[in-house]
Amino acid sequence: MMTDFVLRLSDGSLSAEILPEDGGRIAAFWSEAGGNRTDWFVPRPQPGDSDAGSTAWGSFPLVPFSNRIRDGRFTWDGKEHRITATEKNASHAIHGHGRTVPWEVESLSEMRAELSYVYPGDDWPFPYKARQAFELMDGTLAISMRLENTGTKAMPSGLGHHPYLPWRSGPLLATSFASIWPAVHGVLPVSSEGVPRHLDFSRAEERALPRGLDTGFSGWSSHALLHWPKEGLSLEIEGSETLSHCILFTPEDKPFFCVEPVTHCIDAINLSAAGVAGTGMQTVPPGGKLVASMRFKPVLEAQ
């Protein structure tokens, strides 16, 4: 980690901690009731913890793209670009810059913080400015994001957030997807198809979330309800219209899972260039902006 500079937001029983100099990342999001703390995101490990070296905690921003770009290569406006492969033990670029750079605090109050950083254009050949704001209000954590093209050429763009959620005794999920982007080449898709029955979470009853997913979905309803019935906990996730895609990451034998609201599918920039429809790839003109927002609303059920 870069520093221990922590921003603390609070509103009633709800609290959040943010690390502006460590990727503008949420370090913890929790509620307190009756002297008990409930973490809604996996909290940052503390020194001396058995998982002190883990990076699977909190939630980090996805900017200026989400998930993977195959082999760190893509063609844009007729020109091939190669960017640094950043996925561990793989050849792909992953998750953009936002999680790895320090963010500047633009404003701060008891319940709200706004952060930003400026990217001049280097490895990623497009300059931009990114902003994200966090606000606790009415029992909800709201996150808004904005990506501004500060260059002279149109820029491929994407946004999202990557929360790590506690698995606990096993979550149930209720949401709706129009399509799935199944992995064909490792974790990379080549096209979308209809959602199979065992991954259809749109039924009247919640469905257990299976292990072993690292999978993208599109046509997201922009609403998901997670429920841990044994613990009496629920978490509602809502996304803006631009967040039409969602990544489900449920690795085997891990104490966490991820439900990631995003604007585009995995490797969208290459699939879009190949003529694949529905990737969600966004083009932002010079001076233009891409915006997205999401809300996380926790519920402690009566015992």
Protein backbone atom coordinates (compact mmCIF):
# COMPACT_ATOMS: atom_id res chain seq x y z
CA MET A 1 0.00 0.00 0.00
CA MET A 2 1.12 3.53 -0.71
CA THR A 3 0.04 5.23 2.54
CA ASP A 4 -2.35 4.91 5.45
CA PHE A 5 -4.15 8.18 4.65
CA VAL A 6 -7.80 7.25 5.29
CA LEU A 7 -10.98 9.22 4.70
CA ARG A 8 -13.80 8.27 7.08
CA LEU A 9 -17.43 8.90 6.13
CA SER A 10 -20.35 8.28 8.46
CA ASP A 11 -24.11 8.71 8.51
CA GLY A 12 -25.96 7.26 11.47
CA SER A 13 -25.14 3.56 11.75
CA LEU A 14 -23.39 3.43 8.37
CA SER A 15 -19.65 4.07 7.82
CA ALA A 16 -17.09 3.84 5.04
CA GLU A 17 -13.33 4.29 4.80
CA ILE A 18 -11.61 5.38 1.58
CA LEU A 19 -7.94 5.35 0.63
CA PRO A 20 -7.36 8.22 -1.84
CA GLU A 21 -3.64 7.53 -2.25
CA ASP A 22 -4.11 3.79 -2.68
CA GLY A 23 -6.16 3.73 -5.86
CA GLY A 24 -9.13 5.73 -4.60
CA ARG A 25 -10.28 2.46 -3.09
CA ILE A 26 -12.95 1.79 -0.51
CA ALA A 27 -11.19 0.05 2.38
CA ALA A 28 -14.31 -0.80 4.36
CA PHE A 29 -18.07 -0.33 4.30
CA TRP A 30 -20.01 -1.39 7.38
CA SER A 31 -22.95 -0.78 9.68
CA GLU A 32 -23.21 -0.95 13.45
CA ALA A 33 -26.24 -1.94 15.49
CA GLY A 34 -26.48 -3.02 19.10
CA GLY A 35 -22.72 -2.88 19.47
CA ASN A 36 -22.21 -5.29 16.57
CA ARG A 37 -20.42 -4.47 13.33
CA THR A 38 -21.54 -5.91 9.98
CA ASP A 39 -19.12 -5.56 7.07
CA TRP A 40 -20.82 -5.29 3.68
CA PHE A 41 -17.52 -5.30 1.77
CA VAL A 42 -14.61 -7.47 2.83
CA PRO A 43 -12.59 -5.08 5.04
CA ARG A 44 -8.95 -4.30 4.45
CA PRO A 45 -6.77 -6.80 6.36
CA GLN A 46 -4.84 -5.39 9.28
CA PRO A 47 -1.12 -5.94 9.90
CA GLY A 48 -0.61 -9.31 11.51
CA ASP A 49 -3.81 -10.83 10.09
CA SER A 50 -3.42 -14.21 8.42
CA ASP A 51 -4.56 -12.63 5.13
CA ALA A 52 -2.51 -9.44 5.52
CA GLY A 53 -1.10 -9.79 1.98
CA SER A 54 -4.47 -10.28 0.30
CA THR A 55 -5.75 -7.77 -2.27
CA ALA A 56 -9.31 -9.16 -2.18
CA TRP A 57 -10.96 -6.47 -0.07
CA GLY A 58 -13.01 -3.31 -0.29
CA SER A 59 -13.96 -2.01 -3.70
CA PHE A 60 -11.80 -0.36 -6.33
CA PRO A 61 -12.67 1.82 -9.35
CA LEU A 62 -12.51 0.45 -12.87
CA VAL A 63 -11.28 3.19 -15.19
CA PRO A 64 -10.71 3.78 -18.11
CA PHE A 65 -11.78 0.20 -18.85
CA SER A 66 -13.16 -2.81 -17.01
CA ASN A 67 -11.73 -6.29 -16.78
CA ARG A 68 -9.35 -7.61 -19.48
CA ILE A 69 -7.94 -6.49 -22.81
CA ARG A 70 -6.59 -9.54 -24.58
CA ASP A 71 -2.76 -9.63 -24.58
CA GLY A 72 -2.72 -5.88 -23.89
CA ARG A 73 -3.37 -5.20 -27.58
CA PHE A 74 -6.13 -3.42 -29.45
CA THR A 75 -6.71 -1.46 -32.65
CA TRP A 76 -8.37 1.93 -32.44
CA ASP A 77 -9.00 4.34 -35.29
CA GLY A 78 -6.91 2.16 -37.57
CA LYS A 79 -3.86 2.07 -35.32
CA GLU A 80 -2.66 -0.85 -33.21
CA HIS A 81 -1.79 -0.11 -29.61
CA ARG A 82 0.07 -2.24 -27.09
CA ILE A 83 -0.30 -1.55 -23.40
CA THR A 84 1.28 -3.15 -20.35
CA ALA A 85 0.07 -6.60 -19.35
CA THR A 86 -1.06 -6.12 -15.75
CA GLU A 87 -2.88 -9.37 -14.95
CA LYS A 88 -0.90 -11.60 -12.62
CA ASN A 89 0.44 -14.70 -14.37
CA ALA A 90 -1.28 -13.77 -17.64
CA SER A 91 -0.65 -11.72 -20.77
CA HIS A 92 -3.67 -9.44 -20.50
CA ALA A 93 -4.14 -5.85 -19.37
CA ILE A 94 -6.71 -5.75 -16.60
CA HIS A 95 -8.91 -3.23 -14.76
CA GLY A 96 -7.33 0.01 -16.01
CA HIS A 97 -5.35 2.56 -14.01
CA GLY A 98 -7.69 3.85 -11.32
CA ARG A 99 -6.87 1.19 -8.75
CA THR A 100 -3.10 1.76 -9.02
CA VAL A 101 -2.72 5.55 -8.92
CA PRO A 102 -3.14 8.13 -6.15
CA TRP A 103 -6.33 10.18 -6.27
CA GLU A 104 -6.55 13.81 -5.16
CA VAL A 105 -9.19 14.80 -2.62
CA GLU A 106 -11.27 17.54 -4.23
CA SER A 107 -13.87 17.89 -1.47
CA LEU A 108 -14.66 16.23 1.84
CA SER A 109 -17.48 16.41 4.37
CA GLU A 110 -18.80 14.09 7.06
CA MET A 111 -20.91 12.11 4.60
CA ARG A 112 -19.32 12.80 1.19
CA ALA A 113 -15.91 12.73 -0.52
CA GLU A 114 -14.97 13.56 -4.10
CA LEU A 115 -11.67 12.36 -5.60
CA SER A 116 -9.98 12.78 -8.96
CA TYR A 117 -6.81 12.10 -10.91
CA VAL A 118 -5.42 13.26 -14.24
CA TYR A 119 -3.86 10.85 -16.71
CA PRO A 120 -1.68 12.62 -19.31
CA GLY A 121 -1.65 9.79 -21.86
CA ASP A 122 1.26 7.36 -21.87
CA ASP A 123 1.00 3.58 -21.89
CA TRP A 124 -2.74 4.10 -22.47
CA PRO A 125 -2.52 6.46 -25.44
CA PHE A 126 -5.37 8.78 -24.43
CA PRO A 127 -5.30 11.56 -21.83
CA TYR A 128 -8.27 11.87 -19.49
CA LYS A 129 -9.48 13.02 -16.10
CA ALA A 130 -11.33 10.64 -13.79
CA ARG A 131 -13.58 11.52 -10.87
CA GLN A 132 -15.45 9.50 -8.32
CA ALA A 133 -17.65 10.66 -5.46
CA PHE A 134 -18.79 8.66 -2.44
CA GLU A 135 -21.78 9.60 -0.32
CA LEU A 136 -23.50 8.00 2.66
CA MET A 137 -27.14 9.05 2.88
CA ASP A 138 -30.45 7.45 3.87
CA GLY A 139 -28.79 4.14 4.73
CA THR A 140 -27.08 3.87 1.34
CA LEU A 141 -23.57 4.14 -0.08
CA ALA A 142 -23.77 5.97 -3.40
CA ILE A 143 -20.84 6.05 -5.83
CA SER A 144 -20.77 8.31 -8.88
CA MET A 145 -18.05 8.20 -11.53
CA ARG A 146 -17.07 10.43 -14.42
CA LEU A 147 -14.46 9.97 -17.15
CA GLU A 148 -13.59 13.05 -19.23
CA ASN A 149 -11.63 12.90 -22.49
CA THR A 150 -9.05 15.69 -22.23
CA GLY A 151 -7.33 14.80 -25.51
CA THR A 152 -7.88 15.70 -29.14
CA LYS A 153 -9.03 12.28 -30.37
CA ALA A 154 -12.00 10.08 -29.60
CA MET A 155 -11.23 7.64 -26.77
CA PRO A 156 -12.49 4.13 -25.99
CA SER A 157 -13.90 4.24 -22.47
CA GLY A 158 -15.37 2.18 -19.69
CA LEU A 159 -16.28 2.52 -16.02
CA GLY A 160 -17.31 0.33 -13.12
CA HIS A 161 -16.52 -0.76 -9.57
CA HIS A 162 -15.13 -4.01 -8.19
CA PRO A 163 -16.53 -4.77 -4.72
CA TYR A 164 -15.39 -7.79 -2.72
CA LEU A 165 -18.39 -9.15 -0.80
CA PRO A 166 -18.23 -11.62 2.10
CA TRP A 167 -19.33 -15.13 1.12
CA ARG A 168 -20.44 -15.98 4.68
CA SER A 169 -22.69 -19.10 4.59
CA GLY A 170 -23.46 -18.58 0.92
CA PRO A 171 -25.39 -15.78 -0.82
CA LEU A 172 -28.64 -15.94 -2.77
CA LEU A 173 -28.99 -13.65 -5.78
CA ALA A 174 -32.03 -12.14 -7.48
CA THR A 175 -31.41 -10.10 -10.65
CA SER A 176 -31.99 -10.22 -14.40
CA PHE A 177 -29.62 -10.53 -17.36
CA ALA A 178 -30.50 -10.64 -21.06
CA SER A 179 -27.29 -12.35 -22.20
CA ILE A 180 -24.19 -14.13 -20.98
CA TRP A 181 -20.67 -13.76 -22.43
CA PRO A 182 -19.25 -17.24 -21.77
CA ALA A 183 -15.49 -17.67 -21.64
CA VAL A 184 -14.05 -19.49 -24.64
CA HIS A 185 -10.36 -18.58 -24.57
CA GLY A 186 -9.40 -18.91 -20.93
CA VAL A 187 -11.52 -16.19 -19.31
CA LEU A 188 -12.18 -14.28 -22.54
CA PRO A 189 -15.49 -14.42 -24.45
CA VAL A 190 -16.01 -14.21 -28.21
CA SER A 191 -19.74 -13.41 -28.27
CA SER A 192 -22.91 -13.40 -26.21
CA GLU A 193 -25.69 -15.96 -26.00
CA GLY A 194 -28.85 -16.63 -24.03
CA VAL A 195 -28.53 -17.06 -20.29
CA PRO A 196 -28.59 -20.78 -19.36
CA ARG A 197 -31.22 -21.98 -16.93
CA HIS A 198 -28.78 -22.62 -14.08
CA LEU A 199 -27.60 -18.98 -14.22
CA ASP A 200 -31.05 -17.45 -14.57
CA PHE A 201 -31.46 -15.37 -11.42
CA SER A 202 -34.65 -13.65 -12.58
CA ARG A 203 -37.09 -16.14 -11.11
CA ALA A 204 -39.55 -15.14 -8.41
CA GLU A 205 -37.39 -16.82 -5.78
CA GLU A 206 -33.76 -15.98 -5.07
CA ARG A 207 -31.21 -18.45 -6.36
CA ALA A 208 -27.99 -19.67 -4.76
CA LEU A 209 -24.95 -18.12 -6.36
CA PRO A 210 -22.66 -20.90 -7.64
CA ARG A 211 -18.91 -21.04 -7.23
CA GLY A 212 -16.47 -21.00 -10.14
CA LEU A 213 -17.74 -18.01 -12.12
CA ASP A 214 -15.57 -15.37 -13.75
CA THR A 215 -18.24 -14.40 -16.22
CA GLY A 216 -19.77 -11.35 -17.82
CA PHE A 217 -23.46 -10.68 -18.41
CA SER A 218 -25.21 -7.96 -20.41
CA GLY A 219 -28.69 -6.52 -20.49
CA TRP A 220 -28.47 -6.18 -16.72
CA SER A 221 -31.66 -4.92 -15.13
CA SER A 222 -29.54 -2.47 -13.10
CA HIS A 223 -30.84 -3.99 -9.89
CA ALA A 224 -29.58 -6.94 -7.84
CA LEU A 225 -30.56 -8.24 -4.43
CA LEU A 226 -28.10 -10.34 -2.43
CA HIS A 227 -29.41 -12.26 0.55
CA TRP A 228 -27.61 -14.23 3.26
CA PRO A 229 -30.60 -15.96 4.90
CA LYS A 230 -28.66 -17.70 7.68
CA GLU A 231 -27.18 -14.40 8.82
CA GLY A 232 -30.36 -12.36 8.23
CA LEU A 233 -28.56 -9.93 5.91
CA SER A 234 -29.40 -8.41 2.53
CA LEU A 235 -27.63 -5.99 0.21
CA GLU A 236 -29.35 -4.19 -2.64
CA ILE A 237 -27.23 -3.01 -5.60
CA GLU A 238 -28.53 -0.52 -8.15
CA GLY A 239 -26.73 0.86 -11.20
CA SER A 240 -27.31 3.67 -13.66
CA GLU A 241 -28.40 2.96 -17.23
CA THR A 242 -24.80 3.12 -18.45
CA LEU A 243 -23.94 0.14 -16.24
CA SER A 244 -25.67 -2.32 -18.55
CA HIS A 245 -23.15 -5.11 -17.92
CA CYS A 246 -22.22 -7.03 -14.79
CA ILE A 247 -19.36 -9.39 -13.92
CA LEU A 248 -19.90 -12.25 -11.47
CA PHE A 249 -16.70 -13.52 -9.89
CA THR A 250 -17.13 -16.42 -7.46
CA PRO A 251 -13.80 -18.24 -7.08
CA GLU A 252 -13.72 -21.67 -5.48
CA ASP A 253 -12.88 -21.95 -1.77
CA LYS A 254 -12.53 -18.21 -1.17
CA PRO A 255 -14.27 -16.20 1.57
CA PHE A 256 -15.45 -13.58 -0.95
CA PHE A 257 -17.27 -13.05 -4.24
CA CYS A 258 -17.80 -10.07 -6.54
CA VAL A 259 -20.79 -8.53 -8.27
CA GLU A 260 -19.26 -5.82 -10.48
CA PRO A 261 -21.48 -3.20 -12.16
CA VAL A 262 -19.68 -2.19 -15.38
CA THR A 263 -20.35 -0.48 -18.70
CA HIS A 264 -18.99 -3.13 -21.06
CA CYS A 265 -18.12 -6.79 -21.50
CA ILE A 266 -14.73 -8.42 -21.06
CA ASP A 267 -12.33 -7.51 -23.91
CA ALA A 268 -14.99 -5.21 -25.33
CA ILE A 269 -12.56 -3.06 -27.30
CA ASN A 270 -11.32 -6.00 -29.39
CA LEU A 271 -14.71 -7.65 -29.76
CA SER A 272 -16.26 -4.38 -30.88
CA ALA A 273 -13.50 -3.89 -33.44
CA ALA A 274 -14.25 -7.40 -34.75
CA GLY A 275 -17.87 -6.43 -35.34
CA VAL A 276 -19.40 -8.17 -32.31
CA ALA A 277 -22.61 -6.41 -31.25
CA GLY A 278 -23.70 -5.47 -27.74
CA THR A 279 -20.26 -5.15 -26.15
CA GLY A 280 -21.13 -1.90 -24.39
CA MET A 281 -17.91 -0.31 -25.64
CA GLN A 282 -18.20 3.46 -25.29
CA THR A 283 -16.58 6.11 -27.49
CA VAL A 284 -16.03 9.48 -25.82
CA PRO A 285 -15.21 12.42 -28.11
CA PRO A 286 -12.69 15.13 -27.19
CA GLY A 287 -14.13 17.12 -24.30
CA GLY A 288 -16.86 14.53 -23.82
CA LYS A 289 -17.71 12.58 -20.67
CA LEU A 290 -18.83 9.10 -19.67
CA VAL A 291 -20.74 8.95 -16.39
CA ALA A 292 -22.02 6.12 -14.22
CA SER A 293 -23.43 5.72 -10.74
CA MET A 294 -24.38 2.93 -8.35
CA ARG A 295 -25.91 2.44 -4.92
CA PHE A 296 -25.34 -0.17 -2.22
CA LYS A 297 -28.15 -0.40 0.33
CA PRO A 298 -27.71 -2.86 3.23
CA VAL A 299 -30.50 -4.37 5.30
CA LEU A 300 -30.19 -5.97 8.73
CA GLU A 301 -33.22 -8.21 8.99
CA ALA A 302 -35.13 -8.50 12.24
CA GLN A 303 -34.03 -11.53 14.25
